[in-house]
N, C-alpha and C. Protein backbone atom coordinates (compact mmCIF):
# COMPACT_ATOMS: atom_id res chain seq x y z
N MET A 1 0.79 -1.19 0.01
CA MET A 1 0.01 0.07 0.04
C MET A 1 0.80 1.26 0.03
N GLU A 2 1.93 1.23 0.66
CA GLU A 2 2.98 2.38 0.73
C GLU A 2 3.39 2.65 -0.76
N ASN A 3 3.74 1.69 -1.53
CA ASN A 3 4.19 2.06 -2.89
C ASN A 3 3.19 2.73 -3.56
N ARG A 4 1.91 2.42 -3.61
CA ARG A 4 0.85 3.14 -4.30
C ARG A 4 0.84 4.67 -3.92
N ILE A 5 0.90 4.99 -2.60
CA ILE A 5 1.00 6.35 -2.21
C ILE A 5 2.07 7.01 -2.87
N GLU A 6 3.31 6.38 -2.67
CA GLU A 6 4.44 7.09 -3.29
C GLU A 6 4.37 7.37 -4.69
N LYS A 7 3.76 6.44 -5.57
CA LYS A 7 3.54 6.73 -7.02
C LYS A 7 2.80 7.90 -7.18
N PHE A 8 1.64 8.15 -6.40
CA PHE A 8 0.88 9.43 -6.53
C PHE A 8 1.64 10.70 -6.22
N MET A 9 2.49 10.56 -5.14
CA MET A 9 3.16 11.67 -4.72
C MET A 9 4.39 12.07 -5.58
N GLN A 10 4.85 11.21 -6.53
CA GLN A 10 6.11 11.32 -7.35
C GLN A 10 5.59 11.70 -8.72
N HIS A 11 4.52 12.32 -9.03
CA HIS A 11 4.20 12.66 -10.21
C HIS A 11 5.11 13.66 -10.82
N PRO A 12 5.43 13.64 -12.14
CA PRO A 12 6.40 14.74 -12.63
C PRO A 12 5.78 15.98 -12.81
N LEU A 13 6.48 17.05 -12.44
CA LEU A 13 6.03 18.51 -12.57
C LEU A 13 5.89 18.86 -14.04
N SER A 14 6.55 18.04 -14.94
CA SER A 14 6.44 18.33 -16.35
C SER A 14 5.06 18.29 -16.89
N LEU A 15 4.35 17.60 -16.24
CA LEU A 15 2.91 17.46 -16.72
C LEU A 15 2.15 18.64 -16.40
N TYR A 16 2.60 19.57 -15.59
CA TYR A 16 1.88 20.84 -15.29
C TYR A 16 2.16 21.82 -16.36
N ARG A 17 1.02 22.40 -16.90
CA ARG A 17 1.28 23.38 -17.92
C ARG A 17 0.51 24.60 -17.45
N PRO A 18 1.17 25.75 -17.24
CA PRO A 18 0.54 26.98 -16.81
C PRO A 18 -0.45 27.46 -17.83
N PHE A 19 -1.49 28.17 -17.44
CA PHE A 19 -2.43 28.66 -18.25
C PHE A 19 -1.94 29.83 -19.00
N HIS A 20 -1.90 29.89 -20.32
CA HIS A 20 -1.46 31.06 -21.18
C HIS A 20 -2.64 31.44 -21.99
N LYS A 21 -2.99 32.73 -22.09
CA LYS A 21 -4.05 33.24 -22.92
C LYS A 21 -3.68 33.11 -24.35
N ASN A 22 -4.61 32.61 -25.18
CA ASN A 22 -4.50 32.85 -26.61
C ASN A 22 -5.96 32.73 -27.09
N GLN A 23 -6.14 32.53 -28.39
CA GLN A 23 -7.42 32.60 -28.91
C GLN A 23 -8.30 31.24 -28.55
N SER A 24 -7.56 30.17 -28.41
CA SER A 24 -8.27 28.95 -28.05
C SER A 24 -8.57 28.89 -26.64
N ASP A 25 -7.74 29.61 -25.76
CA ASP A 25 -8.11 29.85 -24.36
C ASP A 25 -9.28 30.45 -24.16
N SER A 26 -9.62 31.62 -24.95
CA SER A 26 -10.80 32.40 -24.64
C SER A 26 -11.99 31.74 -25.18
N LYS A 27 -11.83 30.84 -26.16
CA LYS A 27 -13.03 29.90 -26.35
C LYS A 27 -13.30 28.97 -25.20
N PHE A 28 -12.18 28.46 -24.71
CA PHE A 28 -12.25 27.47 -23.47
C PHE A 28 -12.94 28.27 -22.42
N GLN A 29 -12.50 29.50 -22.08
CA GLN A 29 -13.08 30.16 -20.94
C GLN A 29 -14.50 30.60 -21.18
N SER A 30 -14.92 30.71 -22.46
CA SER A 30 -16.25 31.11 -22.73
C SER A 30 -17.25 29.88 -22.22
N LEU A 31 -16.70 28.72 -22.40
CA LEU A 31 -17.53 27.61 -22.05
C LEU A 31 -17.94 27.58 -20.52
N PHE A 32 -17.04 28.22 -19.73
CA PHE A 32 -17.18 28.24 -18.33
C PHE A 32 -17.76 29.57 -17.79
N GLN A 33 -18.29 30.44 -18.69
CA GLN A 33 -18.86 31.70 -18.32
C GLN A 33 -20.09 31.39 -17.52
N GLU A 34 -20.26 32.25 -16.51
CA GLU A 34 -21.51 32.06 -15.65
C GLU A 34 -22.73 32.44 -16.41
N LYS A 35 -23.85 31.73 -16.15
CA LYS A 35 -25.16 31.86 -16.89
C LYS A 35 -25.96 32.52 -15.76
N LEU A 36 -26.48 33.64 -16.07
CA LEU A 36 -27.20 34.46 -15.04
C LEU A 36 -28.70 34.02 -15.10
N THR A 37 -29.22 33.66 -13.95
CA THR A 37 -30.67 33.30 -13.89
C THR A 37 -31.38 34.42 -13.32
N ILE A 38 -32.63 34.59 -13.52
CA ILE A 38 -33.58 35.56 -13.08
C ILE A 38 -34.50 35.05 -12.04
N SER A 39 -34.50 35.59 -10.83
CA SER A 39 -35.55 35.14 -9.78
C SER A 39 -36.93 35.67 -10.27
N LYS A 40 -38.01 35.09 -9.57
CA LYS A 40 -39.46 35.46 -9.97
C LYS A 40 -39.56 36.96 -9.46
N HIS A 41 -38.93 37.34 -8.52
CA HIS A 41 -39.17 38.74 -7.97
C HIS A 41 -38.53 39.67 -9.07
N ALA A 42 -37.35 39.30 -9.58
CA ALA A 42 -36.67 40.12 -10.52
C ALA A 42 -37.42 40.29 -11.87
N LYS A 43 -37.96 39.23 -12.25
CA LYS A 43 -38.81 39.22 -13.37
C LYS A 43 -39.94 40.16 -13.27
N ALA A 44 -40.52 40.17 -12.20
CA ALA A 44 -41.72 40.93 -11.98
C ALA A 44 -41.34 42.27 -11.98
N ARG A 45 -40.23 42.68 -11.43
CA ARG A 45 -39.58 44.08 -11.41
C ARG A 45 -39.30 44.59 -12.68
N LEU A 46 -38.64 43.82 -13.55
CA LEU A 46 -38.30 44.15 -14.92
C LEU A 46 -39.54 44.43 -15.60
N ASN A 47 -40.55 43.58 -15.50
CA ASN A 47 -41.78 43.78 -16.26
C ASN A 47 -42.52 45.07 -15.78
N GLU A 48 -42.69 45.21 -14.56
CA GLU A 48 -43.45 46.38 -14.01
C GLU A 48 -42.82 47.71 -14.10
N ARG A 49 -41.50 47.64 -14.31
CA ARG A 49 -40.74 48.97 -14.45
C ARG A 49 -40.27 49.11 -15.81
N ASN A 50 -40.68 48.34 -16.67
CA ASN A 50 -40.41 48.38 -18.21
C ASN A 50 -38.84 48.44 -18.35
N ILE A 51 -38.10 47.74 -17.75
CA ILE A 51 -36.75 47.57 -18.04
C ILE A 51 -36.34 46.62 -19.07
N ILE A 52 -35.69 47.07 -20.10
CA ILE A 52 -35.33 46.05 -21.26
C ILE A 52 -33.89 46.07 -21.28
N ILE A 53 -33.39 44.82 -21.38
CA ILE A 53 -31.89 44.60 -21.36
C ILE A 53 -31.60 43.92 -22.55
N SER A 54 -30.71 44.58 -23.48
CA SER A 54 -30.34 43.90 -24.63
C SER A 54 -29.34 42.68 -24.35
N ASP A 55 -29.46 41.68 -25.45
CA ASP A 55 -28.64 40.54 -25.43
C ASP A 55 -27.19 40.90 -25.13
N GLU A 56 -26.68 41.94 -25.75
CA GLU A 56 -25.28 42.39 -25.61
C GLU A 56 -25.05 42.68 -24.16
N LYS A 57 -25.99 43.31 -23.47
CA LYS A 57 -25.77 43.85 -22.14
C LYS A 57 -25.88 42.55 -21.18
N TRP A 58 -26.74 41.54 -21.44
CA TRP A 58 -26.70 40.32 -20.64
C TRP A 58 -25.51 39.55 -20.75
N THR A 59 -24.87 39.59 -22.04
CA THR A 59 -23.63 38.89 -22.18
C THR A 59 -22.53 39.56 -21.38
N MET A 60 -22.62 40.89 -21.34
CA MET A 60 -21.72 41.69 -20.52
C MET A 60 -21.88 41.46 -19.05
N MET A 61 -23.11 41.35 -18.67
CA MET A 61 -23.33 41.08 -17.22
C MET A 61 -22.75 39.65 -16.75
N GLU A 62 -23.03 38.65 -17.74
CA GLU A 62 -22.61 37.35 -17.44
C GLU A 62 -20.93 37.15 -17.46
N LYS A 63 -20.35 38.00 -18.21
CA LYS A 63 -18.95 38.02 -18.26
C LYS A 63 -18.39 38.69 -16.97
N ARG A 64 -19.04 39.83 -16.52
CA ARG A 64 -18.58 40.39 -15.24
C ARG A 64 -18.88 39.64 -14.11
N LEU A 65 -20.09 38.95 -14.21
CA LEU A 65 -20.32 38.01 -13.13
C LEU A 65 -19.20 37.03 -12.80
N SER A 66 -18.62 36.45 -13.88
CA SER A 66 -17.48 35.54 -13.82
C SER A 66 -16.38 36.12 -13.09
N GLU A 67 -16.05 37.43 -13.49
CA GLU A 67 -14.96 38.13 -12.92
C GLU A 67 -15.25 38.37 -11.44
N ALA A 68 -16.47 38.81 -11.09
CA ALA A 68 -16.82 39.06 -9.78
C ALA A 68 -16.70 37.79 -8.94
N LYS A 69 -17.03 36.61 -9.28
CA LYS A 69 -16.96 35.39 -8.61
C LYS A 69 -15.43 35.09 -8.40
N GLN A 70 -14.51 35.22 -9.30
CA GLN A 70 -13.14 35.12 -9.22
C GLN A 70 -12.59 36.03 -8.07
N LYS A 71 -13.14 37.05 -7.94
CA LYS A 71 -12.65 38.10 -6.93
C LYS A 71 -13.31 37.88 -5.51
N GLY A 72 -14.05 36.88 -5.48
CA GLY A 72 -14.71 36.55 -4.10
C GLY A 72 -15.94 37.37 -3.85
N ILE A 73 -16.56 38.05 -4.71
CA ILE A 73 -17.79 38.83 -4.40
C ILE A 73 -18.89 37.84 -4.24
N GLN A 74 -19.77 38.07 -3.26
CA GLN A 74 -20.92 37.22 -3.16
C GLN A 74 -22.26 37.91 -3.57
N ASP A 75 -22.48 39.07 -3.27
CA ASP A 75 -23.56 39.89 -3.66
C ASP A 75 -23.23 41.27 -4.22
N ALA A 76 -23.66 41.61 -5.45
CA ALA A 76 -23.17 42.75 -6.08
C ALA A 76 -24.26 43.69 -6.53
N LEU A 77 -23.84 44.93 -6.70
CA LEU A 77 -24.76 45.88 -7.33
C LEU A 77 -24.16 46.14 -8.77
N PHE A 78 -24.86 45.78 -9.87
CA PHE A 78 -24.41 46.14 -11.18
C PHE A 78 -25.18 47.31 -11.70
N LEU A 79 -24.45 48.29 -12.09
CA LEU A 79 -25.16 49.58 -12.53
C LEU A 79 -24.89 49.83 -14.06
N SER A 80 -25.90 49.98 -14.76
CA SER A 80 -25.88 50.36 -16.23
C SER A 80 -26.76 51.52 -16.47
N ASN A 81 -26.97 51.87 -17.84
CA ASN A 81 -27.84 52.85 -18.11
C ASN A 81 -29.27 52.45 -18.03
N GLU A 82 -29.54 51.24 -18.17
CA GLU A 82 -30.83 50.50 -18.04
C GLU A 82 -31.35 50.68 -16.74
N GLY A 83 -30.52 50.47 -15.75
CA GLY A 83 -30.89 50.37 -14.17
C GLY A 83 -29.96 49.93 -13.38
N ALA A 84 -30.29 49.64 -12.25
CA ALA A 84 -29.41 49.02 -11.06
C ALA A 84 -30.01 47.61 -10.83
N PHE A 85 -29.03 46.71 -10.74
CA PHE A 85 -29.56 45.23 -10.43
C PHE A 85 -28.61 44.74 -9.27
N ILE A 86 -29.37 44.02 -8.45
CA ILE A 86 -28.74 43.35 -7.30
C ILE A 86 -28.74 41.99 -7.73
N ILE A 87 -27.33 41.26 -7.82
CA ILE A 87 -27.20 39.91 -8.29
C ILE A 87 -26.36 39.14 -7.13
N SER A 88 -26.93 38.07 -6.91
CA SER A 88 -26.23 37.16 -6.07
C SER A 88 -25.19 36.40 -6.97
N VAL A 89 -23.88 36.80 -6.69
CA VAL A 89 -22.85 36.30 -7.57
C VAL A 89 -22.56 34.80 -7.18
N LYS A 90 -22.83 34.50 -5.87
CA LYS A 90 -22.65 33.24 -5.45
C LYS A 90 -23.52 32.23 -6.06
N ASN A 91 -24.78 32.60 -6.35
CA ASN A 91 -25.88 31.80 -6.94
C ASN A 91 -26.07 32.19 -8.39
N SER A 92 -25.32 33.05 -8.99
CA SER A 92 -25.53 33.59 -10.34
C SER A 92 -27.01 33.95 -10.59
N THR A 93 -27.49 34.70 -9.76
CA THR A 93 -29.16 35.08 -9.86
C THR A 93 -29.32 36.41 -9.68
N LEU A 94 -30.13 37.00 -10.64
CA LEU A 94 -30.45 38.41 -10.64
C LEU A 94 -31.64 38.44 -9.45
N ILE A 95 -31.38 39.12 -8.46
CA ILE A 95 -32.34 39.14 -7.33
C ILE A 95 -33.35 40.23 -7.55
N THR A 96 -33.04 41.50 -7.95
CA THR A 96 -33.92 42.52 -8.15
C THR A 96 -33.36 43.58 -9.21
N ALA A 97 -34.24 44.35 -9.69
CA ALA A 97 -34.01 45.43 -10.63
C ALA A 97 -34.80 46.67 -10.49
N MET A 98 -34.11 47.88 -10.74
CA MET A 98 -34.98 49.19 -10.65
C MET A 98 -34.20 49.87 -11.70
N ASN A 99 -35.00 50.95 -12.25
CA ASN A 99 -34.53 51.82 -13.10
C ASN A 99 -33.61 52.89 -12.53
N ARG A 100 -32.74 53.68 -13.20
CA ARG A 100 -31.91 54.52 -12.74
C ARG A 100 -32.37 55.53 -11.94
N LYS A 101 -33.59 56.06 -12.14
CA LYS A 101 -34.14 57.09 -11.44
C LYS A 101 -34.54 56.51 -10.14
N GLU A 102 -35.07 55.47 -10.14
CA GLU A 102 -35.58 54.97 -8.86
C GLU A 102 -34.31 54.58 -7.83
N ALA A 103 -33.24 54.06 -8.61
CA ALA A 103 -31.99 53.67 -7.83
C ALA A 103 -31.28 54.90 -7.21
N ALA A 104 -31.51 56.08 -7.84
CA ALA A 104 -30.85 57.20 -7.31
C ALA A 104 -31.27 57.64 -5.77
N SER A 105 -32.47 57.16 -5.50
CA SER A 105 -32.85 57.48 -4.11
C SER A 105 -32.64 56.34 -3.19
N GLN A 106 -31.86 55.32 -3.59
CA GLN A 106 -31.92 54.07 -2.62
C GLN A 106 -30.59 54.08 -2.01
N ILE A 107 -30.58 53.32 -0.85
CA ILE A 107 -29.34 53.01 -0.14
C ILE A 107 -29.15 51.48 -0.25
N PHE A 108 -28.11 51.01 -0.90
CA PHE A 108 -27.89 49.74 -1.03
C PHE A 108 -27.10 48.89 0.05
N THR A 109 -27.72 47.95 0.64
CA THR A 109 -26.92 47.22 1.79
C THR A 109 -26.78 45.74 1.45
N ASN A 110 -25.89 45.20 2.21
CA ASN A 110 -25.73 43.73 2.12
C ASN A 110 -25.10 43.44 0.72
N ILE A 111 -24.16 44.27 0.12
CA ILE A 111 -23.42 43.88 -0.99
C ILE A 111 -21.97 44.15 -0.72
N ASN A 112 -21.26 43.38 -1.42
CA ASN A 112 -19.78 43.49 -1.11
C ASN A 112 -18.97 43.68 -2.51
N GLY A 113 -19.76 44.18 -3.52
CA GLY A 113 -19.04 44.66 -4.77
C GLY A 113 -19.99 45.41 -5.51
N THR A 114 -19.41 46.27 -6.48
CA THR A 114 -20.23 47.08 -7.30
C THR A 114 -19.49 47.16 -8.64
N ILE A 115 -20.28 46.66 -9.77
CA ILE A 115 -19.76 46.63 -11.08
C ILE A 115 -20.58 47.74 -12.00
N LEU A 116 -19.79 48.53 -12.62
CA LEU A 116 -20.22 49.60 -13.59
C LEU A 116 -20.23 48.99 -14.87
N LEU A 117 -21.29 48.86 -15.61
CA LEU A 117 -21.32 48.23 -16.97
C LEU A 117 -21.17 49.26 -18.15
N ASP A 118 -21.30 50.49 -17.83
CA ASP A 118 -21.35 51.56 -18.96
C ASP A 118 -20.01 52.41 -18.83
């Protein structure tokens, strides 16, 4: 049994290949891009406040969501021209949304990161 443990502990470091960015790596990274889901509450707020978010903006939010997760952010405020969005980075879920005018009068609590999209 001791011999088997030694085999695992003596793997060659030459098998280790550090991550280098190139075109194929960006395709690889896009496979792991976080997908943002929308809570029922957020869907209702988007509809009643007539907030429309383009596909391009959703893609940007998902990309920034991945970056926020890498930095250890759990709950974030995403700000864009369309509105202010509270997102659970940990769960990749849009929690609530409000337009910019409404957001101007709010105090945001229980967030540990802010992401500016514009």
